[in-house]
Amino acid sequence: MRHADNPVIAAMLERRSIRKFTGKAVAREDILTILEAGRWAPSGLNNQPWRFLVISRDDPRHAKLAECTKYAHIVRASAACIAVTLDKGDMYSEMKDHQGAGACIQNMLLAIHALGLGAVWIGQIVNDQSASLTALGLDETAHELQAVIALGHPDQQGGSTRKPLAELLLEEI
């Protein structure tokens, strides 16, 4: 692929979901770098409605959060989880704010990869907003959970395949 030697494009092509982690903690400095990457994502009207809650493995909410998803084993194995919510008071367009949250999450996943860490985007956990937000100690009237990023030092190689580009194009270019 052209431009694969560009570090940004390389990160997009190489990043994989990691679901197994070592027991090693993630440095606070790395967590802050990841959050900064999310903070700089684009958003409609630059409203930046996302909010982050970092839950480390030793926080009692970590175990409670695991109970809210069928991927509990991944949450339990992670060194930390980053809950990404939308602040309902700062939202202006549901669709655009959800798109912005997706961009924010992708920025964080790319930063995690660039730091040599591993992560997986857990989206299924949003199916029960009430239970998930309660586990996090957040007010359901103020926050809408978008995803939980489970992260840590990788204990596996990620793998993936993609459909051919021609299959995704609506018209030939």
C-alpha atoms as a PDB file:
ATOM      1  CA  MET A   1       0.000   0.000   0.000  1.00  0.00           C
ATOM      2  CA  ARG A   2       1.191   3.493  -0.821  1.00  0.00           C
ATOM      3  CA  HIS A   3       2.291   5.629   2.143  1.00  0.00           C
ATOM      4  CA  ALA A   4       2.472   2.631   4.510  1.00  0.00           C
ATOM      5  CA  ASP A   5       5.788   4.057   5.764  1.00  0.00           C
ATOM      6  CA  ASN A   6       3.931   7.080   7.176  1.00  0.00           C
ATOM      7  CA  PRO A   7       3.679   6.529  10.971  1.00  0.00           C
ATOM      8  CA  VAL A   8       0.028   7.606  11.195  1.00  0.00           C
ATOM      9  CA  ILE A   9      -1.079   5.397   8.320  1.00  0.00           C
ATOM     10  CA  ALA A  10       1.085   2.554   9.608  1.00  0.00           C
ATOM     11  CA  ALA A  11      -0.599   2.816  13.034  1.00  0.00           C
ATOM     12  CA  MET A  12      -4.044   2.648  11.425  1.00  0.00           C
ATOM     13  CA  LEU A  13      -3.050  -0.429   9.418  1.00  0.00           C
ATOM     14  CA  GLU A  14      -1.248  -2.206  12.274  1.00  0.00           C
ATOM     15  CA  ARG A  15      -3.577  -1.542  15.230  1.00  0.00           C
ATOM     16  CA  ARG A  16      -5.490  -4.617  16.368  1.00  0.00           C
ATOM     17  CA  SER A  17      -7.930  -5.374  19.159  1.00  0.00           C
ATOM     18  CA  ILE A  18      -6.123  -6.971  22.083  1.00  0.00           C
ATOM     19  CA  ARG A  19      -8.169  -9.005  24.537  1.00  0.00           C
ATOM     20  CA  LYS A  20      -5.433 -10.595  26.679  1.00  0.00           C
ATOM     21  CA  PHE A  21      -3.143  -8.605  28.942  1.00  0.00           C
ATOM     22  CA  THR A  22      -0.200  -9.178  31.254  1.00  0.00           C
ATOM     23  CA  GLY A  23      -0.588  -8.240  34.903  1.00  0.00           C
ATOM     24  CA  LYS A  24       1.630  -5.172  34.531  1.00  0.00           C
ATOM     25  CA  ALA A  25       0.076  -1.787  35.381  1.00  0.00           C
ATOM     26  CA  VAL A  26      -0.107   1.000  32.810  1.00  0.00           C
ATOM     27  CA  ALA A  27       1.857   4.132  33.717  1.00  0.00           C
ATOM     28  CA  ARG A  28      -0.157   7.218  34.667  1.00  0.00           C
ATOM     29  CA  GLU A  29       1.794   9.215  32.056  1.00  0.00           C
ATOM     30  CA  ASP A  30       0.649   6.787  29.346  1.00  0.00           C
ATOM     31  CA  ILE A  31      -2.978   7.076  30.508  1.00  0.00           C
ATOM     32  CA  LEU A  32      -2.721  10.866  30.307  1.00  0.00           C
ATOM     33  CA  THR A  33      -1.259  10.637  26.789  1.00  0.00           C
ATOM     34  CA  ILE A  34      -4.166   8.394  25.739  1.00  0.00           C
ATOM     35  CA  LEU A  35      -6.716  10.809  27.200  1.00  0.00           C
ATOM     36  CA  GLU A  36      -5.042  13.740  25.436  1.00  0.00           C
ATOM     37  CA  ALA A  37      -5.346  11.900  22.136  1.00  0.00           C
ATOM     38  CA  GLY A  38      -9.062  11.448  22.773  1.00  0.00           C
ATOM     39  CA  ARG A  39      -9.457  15.083  23.802  1.00  0.00           C
ATOM     40  CA  TRP A  40      -8.138  16.246  20.424  1.00  0.00           C
ATOM     41  CA  ALA A  41     -10.681  14.324  18.341  1.00  0.00           C
ATOM     42  CA  PRO A  42     -12.952  16.361  16.065  1.00  0.00           C
ATOM     43  CA  SER A  43     -16.486  17.149  17.195  1.00  0.00           C
ATOM     44  CA  GLY A  44     -19.403  19.039  15.684  1.00  0.00           C
ATOM     45  CA  LEU A  45     -19.230  22.737  16.591  1.00  0.00           C
ATOM     46  CA  ASN A  46     -16.110  21.767  18.586  1.00  0.00           C
ATOM     47  CA  ASN A  47     -18.459  21.006  21.493  1.00  0.00           C
ATOM     48  CA  GLN A  48     -16.250  18.160  22.810  1.00  0.00           C
ATOM     49  CA  PRO A  49     -19.089  16.440  24.707  1.00  0.00           C
ATOM     50  CA  TRP A  50     -17.043  13.389  25.725  1.00  0.00           C
ATOM     51  CA  ARG A  51     -16.059  12.684  29.283  1.00  0.00           C
ATOM     52  CA  PHE A  52     -13.567  10.082  30.510  1.00  0.00           C
ATOM     53  CA  LEU A  53     -13.505   7.948  33.614  1.00  0.00           C
ATOM     54  CA  VAL A  54     -10.378   5.850  34.188  1.00  0.00           C
ATOM     55  CA  ILE A  55     -10.927   2.779  36.332  1.00  0.00           C
ATOM     56  CA  SER A  56      -7.791   0.893  37.357  1.00  0.00           C
ATOM     57  CA  ARG A  57      -7.781  -2.801  38.211  1.00  0.00           C
ATOM     58  CA  ASP A  58      -7.562  -2.086  41.952  1.00  0.00           C
ATOM     59  CA  ASP A  59     -10.641   0.194  41.915  1.00  0.00           C
ATOM     60  CA  PRO A  60     -13.759  -1.670  43.215  1.00  0.00           C
ATOM     61  CA  ARG A  61     -15.707  -0.287  40.229  1.00  0.00           C
ATOM     62  CA  HIS A  62     -13.490  -2.367  37.910  1.00  0.00           C
ATOM     63  CA  ALA A  63     -15.073  -5.618  39.131  1.00  0.00           C
ATOM     64  CA  LYS A  64     -18.551  -4.069  39.104  1.00  0.00           C
ATOM     65  CA  LEU A  65     -18.038  -2.938  35.513  1.00  0.00           C
ATOM     66  CA  ALA A  66     -17.036  -6.465  34.481  1.00  0.00           C
ATOM     67  CA  GLU A  67     -20.442  -7.700  35.648  1.00  0.00           C
ATOM     68  CA  CYS A  68     -22.138  -5.437  33.065  1.00  0.00           C
ATOM     69  CA  THR A  69     -20.803  -7.187  29.969  1.00  0.00           C
ATOM     70  CA  LYS A  70     -20.556 -10.639  28.469  1.00  0.00           C
ATOM     71  CA  TYR A  71     -16.867  -9.738  27.993  1.00  0.00           C
ATOM     72  CA  ALA A  72     -16.267  -9.728  31.751  1.00  0.00           C
ATOM     73  CA  HIS A  73     -13.092 -11.812  31.372  1.00  0.00           C
ATOM     74  CA  ILE A  74     -11.539  -9.056  29.224  1.00  0.00           C
ATOM     75  CA  VAL A  75     -12.431  -6.312  31.691  1.00  0.00           C
ATOM     76  CA  ARG A  76     -11.091  -8.384  34.603  1.00  0.00           C
ATOM     77  CA  ALA A  77      -7.803  -9.029  32.773  1.00  0.00           C
ATOM     78  CA  SER A  78      -7.242  -5.383  31.842  1.00  0.00           C
ATOM     79  CA  ALA A  79      -4.920  -3.111  33.791  1.00  0.00           C
ATOM     80  CA  ALA A  80      -7.445  -0.304  33.422  1.00  0.00           C
ATOM     81  CA  CYS A  81     -10.623   0.648  31.644  1.00  0.00           C
ATOM     82  CA  ILE A  82     -11.514   4.000  30.182  1.00  0.00           C
ATOM     83  CA  ALA A  83     -15.237   4.665  30.149  1.00  0.00           C
ATOM     84  CA  VAL A  84     -16.130   7.165  27.444  1.00  0.00           C
ATOM     85  CA  THR A  85     -19.412   8.957  28.010  1.00  0.00           C
ATOM     86  CA  LEU A  86     -21.206  11.865  26.437  1.00  0.00           C
ATOM     87  CA  ASP A  87     -22.202  14.706  28.742  1.00  0.00           C
ATOM     88  CA  LYS A  88     -25.898  15.050  27.909  1.00  0.00           C
ATOM     89  CA  GLY A  89     -25.809  18.752  28.790  1.00  0.00           C
ATOM     90  CA  ASP A  90     -23.093  19.439  26.207  1.00  0.00           C
ATOM     91  CA  MET A  91     -24.692  17.477  23.367  1.00  0.00           C
ATOM     92  CA  TYR A  92     -26.237  19.366  20.467  1.00  0.00           C
ATOM     93  CA  SER A  93     -26.837  16.709  17.812  1.00  0.00           C
ATOM     94  CA  GLU A  94     -27.219  13.077  18.768  1.00  0.00           C
ATOM     95  CA  MET A  95     -25.802  11.749  15.498  1.00  0.00           C
ATOM     96  CA  LYS A  96     -22.881  14.175  15.319  1.00  0.00           C
ATOM     97  CA  ASP A  97     -22.042  13.704  18.991  1.00  0.00           C
ATOM     98  CA  HIS A  98     -22.017   9.917  18.567  1.00  0.00           C
ATOM     99  CA  GLN A  99     -19.769  10.290  15.525  1.00  0.00           C
ATOM    100  CA  GLY A 100     -17.446  12.525  17.556  1.00  0.00           C
ATOM    101  CA  ALA A 101     -17.335   9.958  20.357  1.00  0.00           C
ATOM    102  CA  GLY A 102     -16.316   7.325  17.805  1.00  0.00           C
ATOM    103  CA  ALA A 103     -13.507   9.567  16.561  1.00  0.00           C
ATOM    104  CA  CYS A 104     -12.436  10.174  20.162  1.00  0.00           C
ATOM    105  CA  ILE A 105     -12.338   6.441  20.888  1.00  0.00           C
ATOM    106  CA  GLN A 106     -10.390   5.732  17.695  1.00  0.00           C
ATOM    107  CA  ASN A 107      -7.838   8.425  18.608  1.00  0.00           C
ATOM    108  CA  MET A 108      -7.337   6.744  21.975  1.00  0.00           C
ATOM    109  CA  LEU A 109      -6.998   3.285  20.400  1.00  0.00           C
ATOM    110  CA  LEU A 110      -4.337   4.611  18.019  1.00  0.00           C
ATOM    111  CA  ALA A 111      -2.481   6.281  20.905  1.00  0.00           C
ATOM    112  CA  ILE A 112      -2.608   3.034  22.886  1.00  0.00           C
ATOM    113  CA  HIS A 113      -1.108   1.185  19.922  1.00  0.00           C
ATOM    114  CA  ALA A 114       1.569   3.858  19.425  1.00  0.00           C
ATOM    115  CA  LEU A 115       2.586   3.491  23.083  1.00  0.00           C
ATOM    116  CA  GLY A 116       3.112  -0.257  22.634  1.00  0.00           C
ATOM    117  CA  LEU A 117       0.047  -1.089  24.708  1.00  0.00           C
ATOM    118  CA  GLY A 118      -3.009  -3.088  23.727  1.00  0.00           C
ATOM    119  CA  ALA A 119      -6.717  -2.418  23.972  1.00  0.00           C
ATOM    120  CA  VAL A 120     -10.155  -3.418  22.825  1.00  0.00           C
ATOM    121  CA  TRP A 121     -13.237  -1.276  22.302  1.00  0.00           C
ATOM    122  CA  ILE A 122     -16.095  -2.840  24.269  1.00  0.00           C
ATOM    123  CA  GLY A 123     -19.317  -1.572  22.759  1.00  0.00           C
ATOM    124  CA  GLN A 124     -21.683  -4.294  23.960  1.00  0.00           C
ATOM    125  CA  ILE A 125     -21.548  -2.833  27.471  1.00  0.00           C
ATOM    126  CA  VAL A 126     -23.700   0.137  26.397  1.00  0.00           C
ATOM    127  CA  ASN A 127     -26.707  -2.155  25.905  1.00  0.00           C
ATOM    128  CA  ASP A 128     -27.559  -1.726  29.595  1.00  0.00           C
ATOM    129  CA  GLN A 129     -26.851   1.935  30.251  1.00  0.00           C
ATOM    130  CA  SER A 130     -28.419   1.884  33.697  1.00  0.00           C
ATOM    131  CA  ALA A 131     -26.368  -1.008  35.078  1.00  0.00           C
ATOM    132  CA  SER A 132     -23.130   0.187  33.480  1.00  0.00           C
ATOM    133  CA  LEU A 133     -23.462   3.783  34.673  1.00  0.00           C
ATOM    134  CA  THR A 134     -24.459   2.600  38.148  1.00  0.00           C
ATOM    135  CA  ALA A 135     -21.354   0.379  38.289  1.00  0.00           C
ATOM    136  CA  LEU A 136     -19.281   3.427  37.368  1.00  0.00           C
ATOM    137  CA  GLY A 137     -21.032   5.624  39.922  1.00  0.00           C
ATOM    138  CA  LEU A 138     -22.263   8.012  37.215  1.00  0.00           C
ATOM    139  CA  ASP A 139     -25.615   9.755  36.929  1.00  0.00           C
ATOM    140  CA  GLU A 140     -27.723   8.318  34.122  1.00  0.00           C
ATOM    141  CA  THR A 141     -29.463  11.667  33.597  1.00  0.00           C
ATOM    142  CA  ALA A 142     -26.122  13.390  32.960  1.00  0.00           C
ATOM    143  CA  HIS A 143     -24.118  10.774  31.029  1.00  0.00           C
ATOM    144  CA  GLU A 144     -24.601   8.426  28.086  1.00  0.00           C
ATOM    145  CA  LEU A 145     -22.037   5.616  27.970  1.00  0.00           C
ATOM    146  CA  GLN A 146     -20.473   5.248  24.520  1.00  0.00           C
ATOM    147  CA  ALA A 147     -17.926   2.503  25.112  1.00  0.00           C
ATOM    148  CA  VAL A 148     -15.391   1.098  27.520  1.00  0.00           C
ATOM    149  CA  ILE A 149     -11.804   0.705  26.392  1.00  0.00           C
ATOM    150  CA  ALA A 150     -10.111  -2.167  28.202  1.00  0.00           C
ATOM    151  CA  LEU A 151      -6.343  -1.730  28.060  1.00  0.00           C
ATOM    152  CA  GLY A 152      -3.059  -3.037  29.314  1.00  0.00           C
ATOM    153  CA  HIS A 153       0.226  -4.504  28.223  1.00  0.00           C
ATOM    154  CA  PRO A 154      -0.575  -7.022  25.470  1.00  0.00           C
ATOM    155  CA  ASP A 155      -0.275 -10.734  26.134  1.00  0.00           C
ATOM    156  CA  GLN A 156      -1.208 -11.752  22.580  1.00  0.00           C
ATOM    157  CA  GLN A 157      -0.719 -10.798  18.965  1.00  0.00           C
ATOM    158  CA  GLY A 158      -3.786  -9.287  17.373  1.00  0.00           C
ATOM    159  CA  GLY A 159      -5.092 -10.417  14.029  1.00  0.00           C
ATOM    160  CA  SER A 160      -7.692  -9.260  11.578  1.00  0.00           C
ATOM    161  CA  THR A 161      -8.848  -9.380   7.990  1.00  0.00           C
ATOM    162  CA  ARG A 162     -10.634  -6.822   5.859  1.00  0.00           C
ATOM    163  CA  LYS A 163     -12.985  -7.020   2.929  1.00  0.00           C
ATOM    164  CA  PRO A 164     -11.398  -5.977  -0.370  1.00  0.00           C
ATOM    165  CA  LEU A 165     -11.722  -2.239  -0.982  1.00  0.00           C
ATOM    166  CA  ALA A 166     -13.595  -2.911  -4.236  1.00  0.00           C
ATOM    167  CA  GLU A 167     -16.319  -4.613  -2.200  1.00  0.00           C
ATOM    168  CA  LEU A 168     -16.805  -1.483  -0.077  1.00  0.00           C
ATOM    169  CA  LEU A 169     -16.933   1.053  -2.913  1.00  0.00           C
ATOM    170  CA  LEU A 170     -20.383   2.101  -4.066  1.00  0.00           C
ATOM    171  CA  GLU A 171     -18.837   3.230  -7.368  1.00  0.00           C
ATOM    172  CA  GLU A 172     -15.487   2.561  -9.013  1.00  0.00           C
ATOM    173  CA  ILE A 173     -13.028   5.441  -8.629  1.00  0.00           C
END
